[in-house]
Amino acid sequence: TREDPAADSRDRLLALAAYLSRAGVVLP
């Protein structure tokens, strides 16, 4: 939710996907 000049929208989604591993998500 903070500004990050080094991260574009895809980087944000990839970070969110990595975060979802805490809930048990394991994407192929």
mmCIF file of all heavy atoms, coordinates in Angstrom:
data_MODEL
# 
_entry.id   MODEL 
# 
loop_
_atom_site.group_PDB 
_atom_site.id 
_atom_site.type_symbol 
_atom_site.label_atom_id 
_atom_site.label_alt_id 
_atom_site.label_comp_id 
_atom_site.label_asym_id 
_atom_site.label_entity_id 
_atom_site.label_seq_id 
_atom_site.pdbx_PDB_ins_code 
_atom_site.Cartn_x 
_atom_site.Cartn_y 
_atom_site.Cartn_z 
_atom_site.occupancy 
_atom_site.B_iso_or_equiv 
_atom_site.pdbx_formal_charge 
_atom_site.auth_seq_id 
_atom_site.auth_comp_id 
_atom_site.auth_asym_id 
_atom_site.auth_atom_id 
_atom_site.pdbx_PDB_model_num 
ATOM 1   N N   . THR A 1 1  ? 0.819  -1.212  0.000   1.00 0.00 ? 1  THR A N   1 
ATOM 2   C CA  . THR A 1 1  ? 0.000  0.000   0.000   1.00 0.00 ? 1  THR A CA  1 
ATOM 3   C C   . THR A 1 1  ? 0.859  1.272   0.000   1.00 0.00 ? 1  THR A C   1 
ATOM 4   O O   . THR A 1 1  ? 0.312  2.364   0.078   1.00 0.00 ? 1  THR A O   1 
ATOM 5   C CB  . THR A 1 1  ? -0.916 0.018   1.233   1.00 0.00 ? 1  THR A CB  1 
ATOM 6   O OG1 . THR A 1 1  ? -0.125 0.047   2.438   1.00 0.00 ? 1  THR A OG1 1 
ATOM 7   C CG2 . THR A 1 1  ? -1.794 -1.233  1.267   1.00 0.00 ? 1  THR A CG2 1 
ATOM 8   N N   . ARG A 1 2  ? 2.184  1.121   -0.090  1.00 0.00 ? 2  ARG A N   1 
ATOM 9   C CA  . ARG A 1 2  ? 3.076  2.274   -0.074  1.00 0.00 ? 2  ARG A CA  1 
ATOM 10  C C   . ARG A 1 2  ? 3.708  2.480   -1.443  1.00 0.00 ? 2  ARG A C   1 
ATOM 11  O O   . ARG A 1 2  ? 3.781  1.563   -2.258  1.00 0.00 ? 2  ARG A O   1 
ATOM 12  C CB  . ARG A 1 2  ? 4.186  2.081   0.972   1.00 0.00 ? 2  ARG A CB  1 
ATOM 13  C CG  . ARG A 1 2  ? 3.674  1.870   2.386   1.00 0.00 ? 2  ARG A CG  1 
ATOM 14  C CD  . ARG A 1 2  ? 4.837  1.692   3.337   1.00 0.00 ? 2  ARG A CD  1 
ATOM 15  N NE  . ARG A 1 2  ? 4.397  1.290   4.664   1.00 0.00 ? 2  ARG A NE  1 
ATOM 16  C CZ  . ARG A 1 2  ? 5.044  0.455   5.441   1.00 0.00 ? 2  ARG A CZ  1 
ATOM 17  N NH1 . ARG A 1 2  ? 6.177  -0.101  5.001   1.00 0.00 ? 2  ARG A NH1 1 
ATOM 18  N NH2 . ARG A 1 2  ? 4.586  0.154   6.646   1.00 0.00 ? 2  ARG A NH2 1 
ATOM 19  N N   . GLU A 1 3  ? 4.179  3.690   -1.678  1.00 0.00 ? 3  GLU A N   1 
ATOM 20  C CA  . GLU A 1 3  ? 4.867  4.009   -2.926  1.00 0.00 ? 3  GLU A CA  1 
ATOM 21  C C   . GLU A 1 3  ? 6.194  3.248   -2.995  1.00 0.00 ? 3  GLU A C   1 
ATOM 22  O O   . GLU A 1 3  ? 6.912  3.130   -2.007  1.00 0.00 ? 3  GLU A O   1 
ATOM 23  C CB  . GLU A 1 3  ? 5.132  5.509   -3.010  1.00 0.00 ? 3  GLU A CB  1 
ATOM 24  C CG  . GLU A 1 3  ? 3.867  6.358   -3.061  1.00 0.00 ? 3  GLU A CG  1 
ATOM 25  C CD  . GLU A 1 3  ? 3.212  6.331   -4.428  1.00 0.00 ? 3  GLU A CD  1 
ATOM 26  O OE1 . GLU A 1 3  ? 3.872  5.847   -5.383  1.00 0.00 ? 3  GLU A OE1 1 
ATOM 27  O OE2 . GLU A 1 3  ? 2.052  6.759   -4.550  1.00 0.00 ? 3  GLU A OE2 1 
ATOM 28  N N   . ASP A 1 4  ? 6.480  2.715   -4.189  1.00 0.00 ? 4  ASP A N   1 
ATOM 29  C CA  . ASP A 1 4  ? 7.736  2.005   -4.414  1.00 0.00 ? 4  ASP A CA  1 
ATOM 30  C C   . ASP A 1 4  ? 8.119  2.189   -5.879  1.00 0.00 ? 4  ASP A C   1 
ATOM 31  O O   . ASP A 1 4  ? 7.600  1.483   -6.755  1.00 0.00 ? 4  ASP A O   1 
ATOM 32  C CB  . ASP A 1 4  ? 7.595  0.526   -4.069  1.00 0.00 ? 4  ASP A CB  1 
ATOM 33  C CG  . ASP A 1 4  ? 8.923  -0.220  -4.160  1.00 0.00 ? 4  ASP A CG  1 
ATOM 34  O OD1 . ASP A 1 4  ? 9.930  0.407   -4.542  1.00 0.00 ? 4  ASP A OD1 1 
ATOM 35  O OD2 . ASP A 1 4  ? 8.948  -1.428  -3.839  1.00 0.00 ? 4  ASP A OD2 1 
ATOM 36  N N   . PRO A 1 5  ? 9.021  3.111   -6.186  1.00 0.00 ? 5  PRO A N   1 
ATOM 37  C CA  . PRO A 1 5  ? 9.375  3.378   -7.591  1.00 0.00 ? 5  PRO A CA  1 
ATOM 38  C C   . PRO A 1 5  ? 9.973  2.170   -8.306  1.00 0.00 ? 5  PRO A C   1 
ATOM 39  O O   . PRO A 1 5  ? 9.927  2.104   -9.548  1.00 0.00 ? 5  PRO A O   1 
ATOM 40  C CB  . PRO A 1 5  ? 10.406 4.509   -7.476  1.00 0.00 ? 5  PRO A CB  1 
ATOM 41  C CG  . PRO A 1 5  ? 10.174 5.128   -6.135  1.00 0.00 ? 5  PRO A CG  1 
ATOM 42  C CD  . PRO A 1 5  ? 9.704  4.018   -5.248  1.00 0.00 ? 5  PRO A CD  1 
ATOM 43  N N   . ALA A 1 6  ? 10.495 1.210   -7.563  1.00 0.00 ? 6  ALA A N   1 
ATOM 44  C CA  . ALA A 1 6  ? 11.138 0.055   -8.194  1.00 0.00 ? 6  ALA A CA  1 
ATOM 45  C C   . ALA A 1 6  ? 10.165 -1.079  -8.490  1.00 0.00 ? 6  ALA A C   1 
ATOM 46  O O   . ALA A 1 6  ? 10.566 -2.099  -9.063  1.00 0.00 ? 6  ALA A O   1 
ATOM 47  C CB  . ALA A 1 6  ? 12.261 -0.462  -7.301  1.00 0.00 ? 6  ALA A CB  1 
ATOM 48  N N   . ALA A 1 7  ? 8.910  -0.944  -8.112  1.00 0.00 ? 7  ALA A N   1 
ATOM 49  C CA  . ALA A 1 7  ? 7.936  -2.027  -8.279  1.00 0.00 ? 7  ALA A CA  1 
ATOM 50  C C   . ALA A 1 7  ? 6.799  -1.568  -9.175  1.00 0.00 ? 7  ALA A C   1 
ATOM 51  O O   . ALA A 1 7  ? 6.153  -0.554  -8.897  1.00 0.00 ? 7  ALA A O   1 
ATOM 52  C CB  . ALA A 1 7  ? 7.390  -2.465  -6.919  1.00 0.00 ? 7  ALA A CB  1 
ATOM 53  N N   . ASP A 1 8  ? 6.560  -2.315  -10.272 1.00 0.00 ? 8  ASP A N   1 
ATOM 54  C CA  . ASP A 1 8  ? 5.424  -2.007  -11.125 1.00 0.00 ? 8  ASP A CA  1 
ATOM 55  C C   . ASP A 1 8  ? 4.238  -2.886  -10.713 1.00 0.00 ? 8  ASP A C   1 
ATOM 56  O O   . ASP A 1 8  ? 4.285  -3.592  -9.701  1.00 0.00 ? 8  ASP A O   1 
ATOM 57  C CB  . ASP A 1 8  ? 5.786  -2.194  -12.599 1.00 0.00 ? 8  ASP A CB  1 
ATOM 58  C CG  . ASP A 1 8  ? 6.213  -3.627  -12.918 1.00 0.00 ? 8  ASP A CG  1 
ATOM 59  O OD1 . ASP A 1 8  ? 6.069  -4.508  -12.043 1.00 0.00 ? 8  ASP A OD1 1 
ATOM 60  O OD2 . ASP A 1 8  ? 6.693  -3.867  -14.036 1.00 0.00 ? 8  ASP A OD2 1 
ATOM 61  N N   . SER A 1 9  ? 3.169  -2.846  -11.501 1.00 0.00 ? 9  SER A N   1 
ATOM 62  C CA  . SER A 1 9  ? 1.952  -3.557  -11.107 1.00 0.00 ? 9  SER A CA  1 
ATOM 63  C C   . SER A 1 9  ? 2.172  -5.072  -11.072 1.00 0.00 ? 9  SER A C   1 
ATOM 64  O O   . SER A 1 9  ? 1.615  -5.766  -10.220 1.00 0.00 ? 9  SER A O   1 
ATOM 65  C CB  . SER A 1 9  ? 0.821  -3.212  -12.067 1.00 0.00 ? 9  SER A CB  1 
ATOM 66  O OG  . SER A 1 9  ? 1.179  -3.520  -13.407 1.00 0.00 ? 9  SER A OG  1 
ATOM 67  N N   . ARG A 1 10 ? 3.004  -5.596  -11.980 1.00 0.00 ? 10 ARG A N   1 
ATOM 68  C CA  . ARG A 1 10 ? 3.262  -7.030  -11.960 1.00 0.00 ? 10 ARG A CA  1 
ATOM 69  C C   . ARG A 1 10 ? 4.039  -7.417  -10.709 1.00 0.00 ? 10 ARG A C   1 
ATOM 70  O O   . ARG A 1 10 ? 3.754  -8.459  -10.097 1.00 0.00 ? 10 ARG A O   1 
ATOM 71  C CB  . ARG A 1 10 ? 4.027  -7.457  -13.209 1.00 0.00 ? 10 ARG A CB  1 
ATOM 72  C CG  . ARG A 1 10 ? 4.259  -8.959  -13.250 1.00 0.00 ? 10 ARG A CG  1 
ATOM 73  C CD  . ARG A 1 10 ? 5.030  -9.406  -14.473 1.00 0.00 ? 10 ARG A CD  1 
ATOM 74  N NE  . ARG A 1 10 ? 5.174  -10.845 -14.505 1.00 0.00 ? 10 ARG A NE  1 
ATOM 75  C CZ  . ARG A 1 10 ? 5.856  -11.507 -15.416 1.00 0.00 ? 10 ARG A CZ  1 
ATOM 76  N NH1 . ARG A 1 10 ? 6.480  -10.851 -16.389 1.00 0.00 ? 10 ARG A NH1 1 
ATOM 77  N NH2 . ARG A 1 10 ? 5.935  -12.815 -15.367 1.00 0.00 ? 10 ARG A NH2 1 
ATOM 78  N N   . ASP A 1 11 ? 5.006  -6.609  -10.318 1.00 0.00 ? 11 ASP A N   1 
ATOM 79  C CA  . ASP A 1 11 ? 5.746  -6.892  -9.087  1.00 0.00 ? 11 ASP A CA  1 
ATOM 80  C C   . ASP A 1 11 ? 4.814  -6.913  -7.887  1.00 0.00 ? 11 ASP A C   1 
ATOM 81  O O   . ASP A 1 11 ? 4.982  -7.722  -6.968  1.00 0.00 ? 11 ASP A O   1 
ATOM 82  C CB  . ASP A 1 11 ? 6.839  -5.846  -8.881  1.00 0.00 ? 11 ASP A CB  1 
ATOM 83  C CG  . ASP A 1 11 ? 7.909  -5.912  -9.957  1.00 0.00 ? 11 ASP A CG  1 
ATOM 84  O OD1 . ASP A 1 11 ? 8.149  -7.011  -10.473 1.00 0.00 ? 11 ASP A OD1 1 
ATOM 85  O OD2 . ASP A 1 11 ? 8.491  -4.849  -10.279 1.00 0.00 ? 11 ASP A OD2 1 
ATOM 86  N N   . ARG A 1 12 ? 3.817  -6.038  -7.905  1.00 0.00 ? 12 ARG A N   1 
ATOM 87  C CA  . ARG A 1 12 ? 2.853  -6.012  -6.795  1.00 0.00 ? 12 ARG A CA  1 
ATOM 88  C C   . ARG A 1 12 ? 2.058  -7.319  -6.743  1.00 0.00 ? 12 ARG A C   1 
ATOM 89  O O   . ARG A 1 12 ? 1.849  -7.884  -5.664  1.00 0.00 ? 12 ARG A O   1 
ATOM 90  C CB  . ARG A 1 12 ? 1.894  -4.835  -6.989  1.00 0.00 ? 12 ARG A CB  1 
ATOM 91  C CG  . ARG A 1 12 ? 2.563  -3.470  -7.035  1.00 0.00 ? 12 ARG A CG  1 
ATOM 92  C CD  . ARG A 1 12 ? 3.097  -3.045  -5.693  1.00 0.00 ? 12 ARG A CD  1 
ATOM 93  N NE  . ARG A 1 12 ? 3.372  -1.610  -5.650  1.00 0.00 ? 12 ARG A NE  1 
ATOM 94  C CZ  . ARG A 1 12 ? 3.780  -0.965  -4.568  1.00 0.00 ? 12 ARG A CZ  1 
ATOM 95  N NH1 . ARG A 1 12 ? 3.965  -1.625  -3.437  1.00 0.00 ? 12 ARG A NH1 1 
ATOM 96  N NH2 . ARG A 1 12 ? 4.016  0.337   -4.616  1.00 0.00 ? 12 ARG A NH2 1 
ATOM 97  N N   . LEU A 1 13 ? 1.611  -7.796  -7.903  1.00 0.00 ? 13 LEU A N   1 
ATOM 98  C CA  . LEU A 1 13 ? 0.850  -9.047  -7.923  1.00 0.00 ? 13 LEU A CA  1 
ATOM 99  C C   . LEU A 1 13 ? 1.702  -10.242 -7.513  1.00 0.00 ? 13 LEU A C   1 
ATOM 100 O O   . LEU A 1 13 ? 1.236  -11.140 -6.816  1.00 0.00 ? 13 LEU A O   1 
ATOM 101 C CB  . LEU A 1 13 ? 0.264  -9.276  -9.311  1.00 0.00 ? 13 LEU A CB  1 
ATOM 102 C CG  . LEU A 1 13 ? -0.987 -8.493  -9.682  1.00 0.00 ? 13 LEU A CG  1 
ATOM 103 C CD1 . LEU A 1 13 ? -1.452 -8.869  -11.082 1.00 0.00 ? 13 LEU A CD1 1 
ATOM 104 C CD2 . LEU A 1 13 ? -2.112 -8.722  -8.675  1.00 0.00 ? 13 LEU A CD2 1 
ATOM 105 N N   . LEU A 1 14 ? 2.955  -10.256 -7.954  1.00 0.00 ? 14 LEU A N   1 
ATOM 106 C CA  . LEU A 1 14 ? 3.839  -11.358 -7.572  1.00 0.00 ? 14 LEU A CA  1 
ATOM 107 C C   . LEU A 1 14 ? 4.088  -11.351 -6.068  1.00 0.00 ? 14 LEU A C   1 
ATOM 108 O O   . LEU A 1 14 ? 4.154  -12.415 -5.432  1.00 0.00 ? 14 LEU A O   1 
ATOM 109 C CB  . LEU A 1 14 ? 5.156  -11.258 -8.336  1.00 0.00 ? 14 LEU A CB  1 
ATOM 110 C CG  . LEU A 1 14 ? 5.075  -11.518 -9.841  1.00 0.00 ? 14 LEU A CG  1 
ATOM 111 C CD1 . LEU A 1 14 ? 6.422  -11.265 -10.503 1.00 0.00 ? 14 LEU A CD1 1 
ATOM 112 C CD2 . LEU A 1 14 ? 4.621  -12.949 -10.114 1.00 0.00 ? 14 LEU A CD2 1 
ATOM 113 N N   . ALA A 1 15 ? 4.230  -10.166 -5.492  1.00 0.00 ? 15 ALA A N   1 
ATOM 114 C CA  . ALA A 1 15 ? 4.400  -10.070 -4.040  1.00 0.00 ? 15 ALA A CA  1 
ATOM 115 C C   . ALA A 1 15 ? 3.142  -10.544 -3.322  1.00 0.00 ? 15 ALA A C   1 
ATOM 116 O O   . ALA A 1 15 ? 3.221  -11.215 -2.281  1.00 0.00 ? 15 ALA A O   1 
ATOM 117 C CB  . ALA A 1 15 ? 4.738  -8.634  -3.653  1.00 0.00 ? 15 ALA A CB  1 
ATOM 118 N N   . LEU A 1 16 ? 1.977  -10.197 -3.876  1.00 0.00 ? 16 LEU A N   1 
ATOM 119 C CA  . LEU A 1 16 ? 0.730  -10.658 -3.269  1.00 0.00 ? 16 LEU A CA  1 
ATOM 120 C C   . LEU A 1 16 ? 0.615  -12.174 -3.365  1.00 0.00 ? 16 LEU A C   1 
ATOM 121 O O   . LEU A 1 16 ? 0.195  -12.832 -2.405  1.00 0.00 ? 16 LEU A O   1 
ATOM 122 C CB  . LEU A 1 16 ? -0.460 -9.993  -3.963  1.00 0.00 ? 16 LEU A CB  1 
ATOM 123 C CG  . LEU A 1 16 ? -1.839 -10.385 -3.445  1.00 0.00 ? 16 LEU A CG  1 
ATOM 124 C CD1 . LEU A 1 16 ? -2.027 -9.898  -2.012  1.00 0.00 ? 16 LEU A CD1 1 
ATOM 125 C CD2 . LEU A 1 16 ? -2.938 -9.819  -4.340  1.00 0.00 ? 16 LEU A CD2 1 
ATOM 126 N N   . ALA A 1 17 ? 0.995  -12.750 -4.508  1.00 0.00 ? 17 ALA A N   1 
ATOM 127 C CA  . ALA A 1 17 ? 0.949  -14.203 -4.657  1.00 0.00 ? 17 ALA A CA  1 
ATOM 128 C C   . ALA A 1 17 ? 1.882  -14.891 -3.661  1.00 0.00 ? 17 ALA A C   1 
ATOM 129 O O   . ALA A 1 17 ? 1.549  -15.944 -3.103  1.00 0.00 ? 17 ALA A O   1 
ATOM 130 C CB  . ALA A 1 17 ? 1.311  -14.589 -6.090  1.00 0.00 ? 17 ALA A CB  1 
ATOM 131 N N   . ALA A 1 18 ? 3.059  -14.320 -3.441  1.00 0.00 ? 18 ALA A N   1 
ATOM 132 C CA  . ALA A 1 18 ? 3.975  -14.877 -2.453  1.00 0.00 ? 18 ALA A CA  1 
ATOM 133 C C   . ALA A 1 18 ? 3.387  -14.777 -1.050  1.00 0.00 ? 18 ALA A C   1 
ATOM 134 O O   . ALA A 1 18 ? 3.536  -15.695 -0.222  1.00 0.00 ? 18 ALA A O   1 
ATOM 135 C CB  . ALA A 1 18 ? 5.315  -14.154 -2.520  1.00 0.00 ? 18 ALA A CB  1 
ATOM 136 N N   . TYR A 1 19 ? 2.685  -13.681 -0.784  1.00 0.00 ? 19 TYR A N   1 
ATOM 137 C CA  . TYR A 1 19 ? 2.046  -13.511 0.518   1.00 0.00 ? 19 TYR A CA  1 
ATOM 138 C C   . TYR A 1 19 ? 0.957  -14.568 0.742   1.00 0.00 ? 19 TYR A C   1 
ATOM 139 O O   . TYR A 1 19 ? 0.763  -15.035 1.869   1.00 0.00 ? 19 TYR A O   1 
ATOM 140 C CB  . TYR A 1 19 ? 1.449  -12.109 0.617   1.00 0.00 ? 19 TYR A CB  1 
ATOM 141 C CG  . TYR A 1 19 ? 0.629  -11.859 1.855   1.00 0.00 ? 19 TYR A CG  1 
ATOM 142 C CD1 . TYR A 1 19 ? 1.234  -11.476 3.051   1.00 0.00 ? 19 TYR A CD1 1 
ATOM 143 C CD2 . TYR A 1 19 ? -0.757 -12.013 1.836   1.00 0.00 ? 19 TYR A CD2 1 
ATOM 144 C CE1 . TYR A 1 19 ? 0.476  -11.255 4.196   1.00 0.00 ? 19 TYR A CE1 1 
ATOM 145 C CE2 . TYR A 1 19 ? -1.518 -11.797 2.972   1.00 0.00 ? 19 TYR A CE2 1 
ATOM 146 C CZ  . TYR A 1 19 ? -0.897 -11.412 4.146   1.00 0.00 ? 19 TYR A CZ  1 
ATOM 147 O OH  . TYR A 1 19 ? -1.640 -11.196 5.274   1.00 0.00 ? 19 TYR A OH  1 
ATOM 148 N N   . LEU A 1 20 ? 0.264  -14.953 -0.317  1.00 0.00 ? 20 LEU A N   1 
ATOM 149 C CA  . LEU A 1 20 ? -0.823 -15.913 -0.178  1.00 0.00 ? 20 LEU A CA  1 
ATOM 150 C C   . LEU A 1 20 ? -0.342 -17.292 0.254   1.00 0.00 ? 20 LEU A C   1 
ATOM 151 O O   . LEU A 1 20 ? -1.146 -18.129 0.660   1.00 0.00 ? 20 LEU A O   1 
ATOM 152 C CB  . LEU A 1 20 ? -1.574 -16.033 -1.510  1.00 0.00 ? 20 LEU A CB  1 
ATOM 153 C CG  . LEU A 1 20 ? -2.403 -14.807 -1.913  1.00 0.00 ? 20 LEU A CG  1 
ATOM 154 C CD1 . LEU A 1 20 ? -2.952 -14.986 -3.319  1.00 0.00 ? 20 LEU A CD1 1 
ATOM 155 C CD2 . LEU A 1 20 ? -3.523 -14.566 -0.919  1.00 0.00 ? 20 LEU A CD2 1 
ATOM 156 N N   . SER A 1 21 ? 0.959  -17.545 0.177   1.00 0.00 ? 21 SER A N   1 
ATOM 157 C CA  . SER A 1 21 ? 1.480  -18.820 0.678   1.00 0.00 ? 21 SER A CA  1 
ATOM 158 C C   . SER A 1 21 ? 1.235  -18.963 2.172   1.00 0.00 ? 21 SER A C   1 
ATOM 159 O O   . SER A 1 21 ? 1.186  -20.079 2.688   1.00 0.00 ? 21 SER A O   1 
ATOM 160 C CB  . SER A 1 21 ? 2.975  -18.930 0.367   1.00 0.00 ? 21 SER A CB  1 
ATOM 161 O OG  . SER A 1 21 ? 3.700  -17.906 1.030   1.00 0.00 ? 21 SER A OG  1 
ATOM 162 N N   . ARG A 1 22 ? 1.075  -17.837 2.869   1.00 0.00 ? 22 ARG A N   1 
ATOM 163 C CA  . ARG A 1 22 ? 0.754  -17.905 4.295   1.00 0.00 ? 22 ARG A CA  1 
ATOM 164 C C   . ARG A 1 22 ? -0.618 -18.528 4.528   1.00 0.00 ? 22 ARG A C   1 
ATOM 165 O O   . ARG A 1 22 ? -0.888 -19.059 5.601   1.00 0.00 ? 22 ARG A O   1 
ATOM 166 C CB  . ARG A 1 22 ? 0.786  -16.505 4.907   1.00 0.00 ? 22 ARG A CB  1 
ATOM 167 C CG  . ARG A 1 22 ? 2.149  -15.825 4.851   1.00 0.00 ? 22 ARG A CG  1 
ATOM 168 C CD  . ARG A 1 22 ? 2.042  -14.368 5.245   1.00 0.00 ? 22 ARG A CD  1 
ATOM 169 N NE  . ARG A 1 22 ? 3.335  -13.697 5.199   1.00 0.00 ? 22 ARG A NE  1 
ATOM 170 C CZ  . ARG A 1 22 ? 4.022  -13.299 6.268   1.00 0.00 ? 22 ARG A CZ  1 
ATOM 171 N NH1 . ARG A 1 22 ? 3.523  -13.494 7.474   1.00 0.00 ? 22 ARG A NH1 1 
ATOM 172 N NH2 . ARG A 1 22 ? 5.184  -12.696 6.141   1.00 0.00 ? 22 ARG A NH2 1 
ATOM 173 N N   . ALA A 1 23 ? -1.491 -18.423 3.519   1.00 0.00 ? 23 ALA A N   1 
ATOM 174 C CA  . ALA A 1 23 ? -2.821 -19.014 3.626   1.00 0.00 ? 23 ALA A CA  1 
ATOM 175 C C   . ALA A 1 23 ? -2.878 -20.402 3.005   1.00 0.00 ? 23 ALA A C   1 
ATOM 176 O O   . ALA A 1 23 ? -3.949 -21.018 2.974   1.00 0.00 ? 23 ALA A O   1 
ATOM 177 C CB  . ALA A 1 23 ? -3.850 -18.105 2.957   1.00 0.00 ? 23 ALA A CB  1 
ATOM 178 N N   . GLY A 1 24 ? -1.745 -20.903 2.487   1.00 0.00 ? 24 GLY A N   1 
ATOM 179 C CA  . GLY A 1 24 ? -1.701 -22.242 1.918   1.00 0.00 ? 24 GLY A CA  1 
ATOM 180 C C   . GLY A 1 24 ? -1.710 -22.312 0.410   1.00 0.00 ? 24 GLY A C   1 
ATOM 181 O O   . GLY A 1 24 ? -1.712 -23.403 -0.150  1.00 0.00 ? 24 GLY A O   1 
ATOM 182 N N   . VAL A 1 25 ? -1.713 -21.163 -0.280  1.00 0.00 ? 25 VAL A N   1 
ATOM 183 C CA  . VAL A 1 25 ? -1.739 -21.169 -1.742  1.00 0.00 ? 25 VAL A CA  1 
ATOM 184 C C   . VAL A 1 25 ? -0.365 -21.555 -2.282  1.00 0.00 ? 25 VAL A C   1 
ATOM 185 O O   . VAL A 1 25 ? 0.655  -20.985 -1.868  1.00 0.00 ? 25 VAL A O   1 
ATOM 186 C CB  . VAL A 1 25 ? -2.156 -19.789 -2.293  1.00 0.00 ? 25 VAL A CB  1 
ATOM 187 C CG1 . VAL A 1 25 ? -2.084 -19.783 -3.817  1.00 0.00 ? 25 VAL A CG1 1 
ATOM 188 C CG2 . VAL A 1 25 ? -3.558 -19.443 -1.826  1.00 0.00 ? 25 VAL A CG2 1 
ATOM 189 N N   . VAL A 1 26 ? -0.337 -22.507 -3.197  1.00 0.00 ? 26 VAL A N   1 
ATOM 190 C CA  . VAL A 1 26 ? 0.890  -22.916 -3.874  1.00 0.00 ? 26 VAL A CA  1 
ATOM 191 C C   . VAL A 1 26 ? 0.573  -22.957 -5.370  1.00 0.00 ? 26 VAL A C   1 
ATOM 192 O O   . VAL A 1 26 ? 0.063  -23.952 -5.887  1.00 0.00 ? 26 VAL A O   1 
ATOM 193 C CB  . VAL A 1 26 ? 1.401  -24.284 -3.388  1.00 0.00 ? 26 VAL A CB  1 
ATOM 194 C CG1 . VAL A 1 26 ? 2.706  -24.636 -4.095  1.00 0.00 ? 26 VAL A CG1 1 
ATOM 195 C CG2 . VAL A 1 26 ? 1.586  -24.296 -1.881  1.00 0.00 ? 26 VAL A CG2 1 
ATOM 196 N N   . LEU A 1 27 ? 0.870  -21.868 -6.063  1.00 0.00 ? 27 LEU A N   1 
ATOM 197 C CA  . LEU A 1 27 ? 0.607  -21.816 -7.493  1.00 0.00 ? 27 LEU A CA  1 
ATOM 198 C C   . LEU A 1 27 ? 1.592  -22.715 -8.238  1.00 0.00 ? 27 LEU A C   1 
ATOM 199 O O   . LEU A 1 27 ? 2.779  -22.737 -7.915  1.00 0.00 ? 27 LEU A O   1 
ATOM 200 C CB  . LEU A 1 27 ? 0.718  -20.388 -8.006  1.00 0.00 ? 27 LEU A CB  1 
ATOM 201 C CG  . LEU A 1 27 ? -0.459 -19.462 -7.691  1.00 0.00 ? 27 LEU A CG  1 
ATOM 202 C CD1 . LEU A 1 27 ? -0.137 -18.039 -8.126  1.00 0.00 ? 27 LEU A CD1 1 
ATOM 203 C CD2 . LEU A 1 27 ? -1.728 -19.945 -8.374  1.00 0.00 ? 27 LEU A CD2 1 
ATOM 204 N N   . PRO A 1 28 ? 1.121  -23.468 -9.238  1.00 0.00 ? 28 PRO A N   1 
ATOM 205 C CA  . PRO A 1 28 ? 2.039  -24.296 -10.032 1.00 0.00 ? 28 PRO A CA  1 
ATOM 206 C C   . PRO A 1 28 ? 3.114  -23.450 -10.707 1.00 0.00 ? 28 PRO A C   1 
ATOM 207 O O   . PRO A 1 28 ? 2.904  -22.263 -10.995 1.00 0.00 ? 28 PRO A O   1 
ATOM 208 C CB  . PRO A 1 28 ? 1.113  -24.949 -11.062 1.00 0.00 ? 28 PRO A CB  1 
ATOM 209 C CG  . PRO A 1 28 ? -0.246 -24.907 -10.449 1.00 0.00 ? 28 PRO A CG  1 
ATOM 210 C CD  . PRO A 1 28 ? -0.287 -23.651 -9.637  1.00 0.00 ? 28 PRO A CD  1 
# 
